[in-house]
């Protein structure tokens, strides 16, 4: 499994918003400059985040984007699944029910299940708030 730039940039965008002053809308061009990501690419990502209700926006002067909830309410897993889709390492684990005809006899399935559980365990245990704290600690 490899996380695409879309997933990585979405996480950076959300972290950037989490680091900004609370209740203040941030222009996408400012985030683009800080993160060194093109505005056009961020527009695509912010659209996905907005449709999911992860960010709020206001148009016009003084407009921009802010988190819809507190940083503690977003996990890395939520953001990655929204932008990447399933984080399953193999296709037979992408759906809730494994429909692979070889599932009952597949010896390697347990390896993929353990890997998937480990991935989910990591990304679901880290919040934006955790990343904010880590960022601020590194800036000292």
C-alpha atoms as a PDB file:
ATOM      1  CA  UNK A   1       0.000   0.000   0.000  1.00  0.00           C
ATOM      2  CA  UNK A   2       1.257   3.418  -0.918  1.00  0.00           C
ATOM      3  CA  UNK A   3      -0.387   6.695   0.105  1.00  0.00           C
ATOM      4  CA  UNK A   4      -0.760   9.038  -2.879  1.00  0.00           C
ATOM      5  CA  UNK A   5       0.121  12.723  -2.917  1.00  0.00           C
ATOM      6  CA  UNK A   6      -3.607  13.441  -2.626  1.00  0.00           C
ATOM      7  CA  UNK A   7      -3.765  11.683   0.744  1.00  0.00           C
ATOM      8  CA  UNK A   8      -0.499  13.158   1.989  1.00  0.00           C
ATOM      9  CA  UNK A   9      -1.438  16.669   0.904  1.00  0.00           C
ATOM     10  CA  UNK A  10      -4.928  16.368   2.416  1.00  0.00           C
ATOM     11  CA  UNK A  11      -3.350  15.524   5.754  1.00  0.00           C
ATOM     12  CA  UNK A  12      -0.927  18.462   5.448  1.00  0.00           C
ATOM     13  CA  UNK A  13      -3.788  20.796   4.494  1.00  0.00           C
ATOM     14  CA  UNK A  14      -5.889  19.695   7.468  1.00  0.00           C
ATOM     15  CA  UNK A  15      -2.905  20.030   9.807  1.00  0.00           C
ATOM     16  CA  UNK A  16      -2.192  23.508   8.448  1.00  0.00           C
ATOM     17  CA  UNK A  17      -5.784  24.529   9.214  1.00  0.00           C
ATOM     18  CA  UNK A  18      -5.542  22.955  12.677  1.00  0.00           C
ATOM     19  CA  UNK A  19      -2.426  25.007  13.408  1.00  0.00           C
ATOM     20  CA  UNK A  20      -4.104  28.281  12.458  1.00  0.00           C
ATOM     21  CA  UNK A  21      -5.952  30.621  14.766  1.00  0.00           C
ATOM     22  CA  UNK A  22      -9.270  29.155  15.854  1.00  0.00           C
ATOM     23  CA  UNK A  23     -12.397  30.579  14.183  1.00  0.00           C
ATOM     24  CA  UNK A  24     -10.374  32.340  11.491  1.00  0.00           C
ATOM     25  CA  UNK A  25     -10.820  31.537   7.807  1.00  0.00           C
ATOM     26  CA  UNK A  26      -7.565  30.839   5.958  1.00  0.00           C
ATOM     27  CA  UNK A  27      -7.045  31.555   2.267  1.00  0.00           C
ATOM     28  CA  UNK A  28      -6.086  28.541   0.192  1.00  0.00           C
ATOM     29  CA  UNK A  29      -3.245  30.499  -1.428  1.00  0.00           C
ATOM     30  CA  UNK A  30      -1.688  31.009   2.021  1.00  0.00           C
ATOM     31  CA  UNK A  31      -1.824  27.283   2.729  1.00  0.00           C
ATOM     32  CA  UNK A  32      -0.384  26.595  -0.735  1.00  0.00           C
ATOM     33  CA  UNK A  33       2.568  28.888  -0.016  1.00  0.00           C
ATOM     34  CA  UNK A  34       3.279  27.400   3.415  1.00  0.00           C
ATOM     35  CA  UNK A  35       2.925  23.819   2.203  1.00  0.00           C
ATOM     36  CA  UNK A  36       4.558  24.378  -1.199  1.00  0.00           C
ATOM     37  CA  UNK A  37       1.630  22.755  -2.999  1.00  0.00           C
ATOM     38  CA  UNK A  38      -0.100  24.248  -6.031  1.00  0.00           C
ATOM     39  CA  UNK A  39      -3.360  26.082  -5.383  1.00  0.00           C
ATOM     40  CA  UNK A  40      -4.986  24.101  -8.200  1.00  0.00           C
ATOM     41  CA  UNK A  41      -4.182  20.783  -6.541  1.00  0.00           C
ATOM     42  CA  UNK A  42      -5.330  22.061  -3.147  1.00  0.00           C
ATOM     43  CA  UNK A  43      -8.620  23.197  -4.724  1.00  0.00           C
ATOM     44  CA  UNK A  44      -9.304  19.600  -5.771  1.00  0.00           C
ATOM     45  CA  UNK A  45      -8.479  18.288  -2.311  1.00  0.00           C
ATOM     46  CA  UNK A  46     -10.403  20.973  -0.406  1.00  0.00           C
ATOM     47  CA  UNK A  47     -13.465  20.189  -2.524  1.00  0.00           C
ATOM     48  CA  UNK A  48     -13.421  16.584  -1.285  1.00  0.00           C
ATOM     49  CA  UNK A  49     -12.872  17.715   2.309  1.00  0.00           C
ATOM     50  CA  UNK A  50     -15.680  20.264   2.041  1.00  0.00           C
ATOM     51  CA  UNK A  51     -18.193  17.802   0.584  1.00  0.00           C
ATOM     52  CA  UNK A  52     -17.448  15.448   3.481  1.00  0.00           C
ATOM     53  CA  UNK A  53     -18.054  18.245   5.992  1.00  0.00           C
ATOM     54  CA  UNK A  54     -14.471  18.277   7.249  1.00  0.00           C
ATOM     55  CA  UNK A  55     -13.974  21.970   6.439  1.00  0.00           C
ATOM     56  CA  UNK A  56     -16.165  25.068   6.235  1.00  0.00           C
ATOM     57  CA  UNK A  57     -15.669  27.832   3.728  1.00  0.00           C
ATOM     58  CA  UNK A  58     -16.587  31.448   3.139  1.00  0.00           C
ATOM     59  CA  UNK A  59     -16.167  33.245  -0.181  1.00  0.00           C
ATOM     60  CA  UNK A  60     -14.954  36.766  -0.758  1.00  0.00           C
ATOM     61  CA  UNK A  61     -12.693  39.142   1.129  1.00  0.00           C
ATOM     62  CA  UNK A  62     -11.659  37.647   4.432  1.00  0.00           C
ATOM     63  CA  UNK A  63     -12.920  34.298   3.253  1.00  0.00           C
ATOM     64  CA  UNK A  64     -11.191  30.983   3.126  1.00  0.00           C
ATOM     65  CA  UNK A  65     -11.340  27.690   4.972  1.00  0.00           C
ATOM     66  CA  UNK A  66     -11.380  26.399   8.523  1.00  0.00           C
ATOM     67  CA  UNK A  67     -11.909  23.055  10.196  1.00  0.00           C
ATOM     68  CA  UNK A  68     -15.562  22.210  10.751  1.00  0.00           C
ATOM     69  CA  UNK A  69     -14.740  20.483  14.061  1.00  0.00           C
ATOM     70  CA  UNK A  70     -11.978  20.477  16.648  1.00  0.00           C
ATOM     71  CA  UNK A  71      -8.615  18.890  15.691  1.00  0.00           C
ATOM     72  CA  UNK A  72      -9.221  16.128  18.256  1.00  0.00           C
ATOM     73  CA  UNK A  73     -12.256  15.025  16.228  1.00  0.00           C
ATOM     74  CA  UNK A  74     -10.258  14.062  13.111  1.00  0.00           C
ATOM     75  CA  UNK A  75      -8.035  11.014  12.885  1.00  0.00           C
ATOM     76  CA  UNK A  76      -5.377  10.471  10.271  1.00  0.00           C
ATOM     77  CA  UNK A  77      -7.383   7.419   9.219  1.00  0.00           C
ATOM     78  CA  UNK A  78     -10.517   9.480   8.553  1.00  0.00           C
ATOM     79  CA  UNK A  79      -8.620  11.859   6.297  1.00  0.00           C
ATOM     80  CA  UNK A  80      -6.722   9.140   4.432  1.00  0.00           C
ATOM     81  CA  UNK A  81      -9.801   6.973   3.869  1.00  0.00           C
ATOM     82  CA  UNK A  82     -11.691   9.977   2.529  1.00  0.00           C
ATOM     83  CA  UNK A  83      -8.984  10.817  -0.001  1.00  0.00           C
ATOM     84  CA  UNK A  84      -7.489   7.380  -0.671  1.00  0.00           C
ATOM     85  CA  UNK A  85     -10.453   5.067  -0.273  1.00  0.00           C
ATOM     86  CA  UNK A  86      -9.714   1.764   1.411  1.00  0.00           C
ATOM     87  CA  UNK A  87      -6.370   1.344   3.156  1.00  0.00           C
ATOM     88  CA  UNK A  88      -6.534  -2.430   2.704  1.00  0.00           C
ATOM     89  CA  UNK A  89      -3.228  -3.933   1.548  1.00  0.00           C
ATOM     90  CA  UNK A  90      -5.040  -6.430  -0.729  1.00  0.00           C
ATOM     91  CA  UNK A  91      -8.291  -6.162  -2.676  1.00  0.00           C
ATOM     92  CA  UNK A  92     -10.027  -9.041  -0.888  1.00  0.00           C
ATOM     93  CA  UNK A  93     -10.117  -6.967   2.321  1.00  0.00           C
ATOM     94  CA  UNK A  94     -11.545  -3.811   0.754  1.00  0.00           C
ATOM     95  CA  UNK A  95     -15.171  -4.740   1.502  1.00  0.00           C
ATOM     96  CA  UNK A  96     -16.703  -5.654   4.841  1.00  0.00           C
ATOM     97  CA  UNK A  97     -17.307  -9.212   3.619  1.00  0.00           C
ATOM     98  CA  UNK A  98     -14.449 -11.056   1.967  1.00  0.00           C
ATOM     99  CA  UNK A  99     -15.930 -12.518  -1.218  1.00  0.00           C
ATOM    100  CA  UNK A 100     -12.728 -14.108  -2.456  1.00  0.00           C
ATOM    101  CA  UNK A 101     -13.453 -17.713  -3.457  1.00  0.00           C
ATOM    102  CA  UNK A 102     -10.087 -18.748  -1.986  1.00  0.00           C
ATOM    103  CA  UNK A 103     -10.614 -17.061   1.426  1.00  0.00           C
ATOM    104  CA  UNK A 104     -11.272 -20.337   3.280  1.00  0.00           C
ATOM    105  CA  UNK A 105      -8.068 -21.956   2.025  1.00  0.00           C
ATOM    106  CA  UNK A 106      -5.823 -18.891   1.691  1.00  0.00           C
ATOM    107  CA  UNK A 107      -2.934 -19.246   4.114  1.00  0.00           C
ATOM    108  CA  UNK A 108      -1.655 -15.720   3.430  1.00  0.00           C
ATOM    109  CA  UNK A 109      -4.991 -14.083   4.268  1.00  0.00           C
ATOM    110  CA  UNK A 110      -4.061 -13.931   7.962  1.00  0.00           C
ATOM    111  CA  UNK A 111      -0.908 -11.980   7.047  1.00  0.00           C
ATOM    112  CA  UNK A 112      -2.933  -9.396   5.126  1.00  0.00           C
ATOM    113  CA  UNK A 113      -5.539  -9.169   7.906  1.00  0.00           C
ATOM    114  CA  UNK A 114      -2.848  -8.544  10.524  1.00  0.00           C
ATOM    115  CA  UNK A 115      -1.226  -5.914   8.303  1.00  0.00           C
ATOM    116  CA  UNK A 116      -4.587  -4.226   7.710  1.00  0.00           C
ATOM    117  CA  UNK A 117      -5.358  -4.245  11.443  1.00  0.00           C
ATOM    118  CA  UNK A 118      -1.940  -2.716  12.149  1.00  0.00           C
ATOM    119  CA  UNK A 119      -2.442   0.023   9.534  1.00  0.00           C
ATOM    120  CA  UNK A 120      -5.888   0.858  10.903  1.00  0.00           C
ATOM    121  CA  UNK A 121      -4.588   0.759  14.470  1.00  0.00           C
ATOM    122  CA  UNK A 122      -1.929   3.354  13.693  1.00  0.00           C
ATOM    123  CA  UNK A 123      -3.920   5.774  11.524  1.00  0.00           C
ATOM    124  CA  UNK A 124      -6.999   5.615  13.752  1.00  0.00           C
ATOM    125  CA  UNK A 125      -5.034   6.303  16.930  1.00  0.00           C
ATOM    126  CA  UNK A 126      -3.482   9.584  15.762  1.00  0.00           C
ATOM    127  CA  UNK A 127      -5.581  12.744  15.707  1.00  0.00           C
ATOM    128  CA  UNK A 128      -4.920  16.133  14.165  1.00  0.00           C
ATOM    129  CA  UNK A 129      -4.591  17.377  17.737  1.00  0.00           C
ATOM    130  CA  UNK A 130      -1.728  14.911  18.268  1.00  0.00           C
ATOM    131  CA  UNK A 131      -0.028  16.233  15.123  1.00  0.00           C
ATOM    132  CA  UNK A 132      -0.544  19.842  16.244  1.00  0.00           C
ATOM    133  CA  UNK A 133       1.166  19.064  19.564  1.00  0.00           C
ATOM    134  CA  UNK A 134       4.012  17.307  17.790  1.00  0.00           C
ATOM    135  CA  UNK A 135       4.450  20.206  15.352  1.00  0.00           C
ATOM    136  CA  UNK A 136       4.567  22.764  18.166  1.00  0.00           C
ATOM    137  CA  UNK A 137       7.077  20.639  20.104  1.00  0.00           C
ATOM    138  CA  UNK A 138       9.364  20.477  17.047  1.00  0.00           C
ATOM    139  CA  UNK A 139       9.160  24.260  16.577  1.00  0.00           C
ATOM    140  CA  UNK A 140      10.606  24.966  20.022  1.00  0.00           C
END
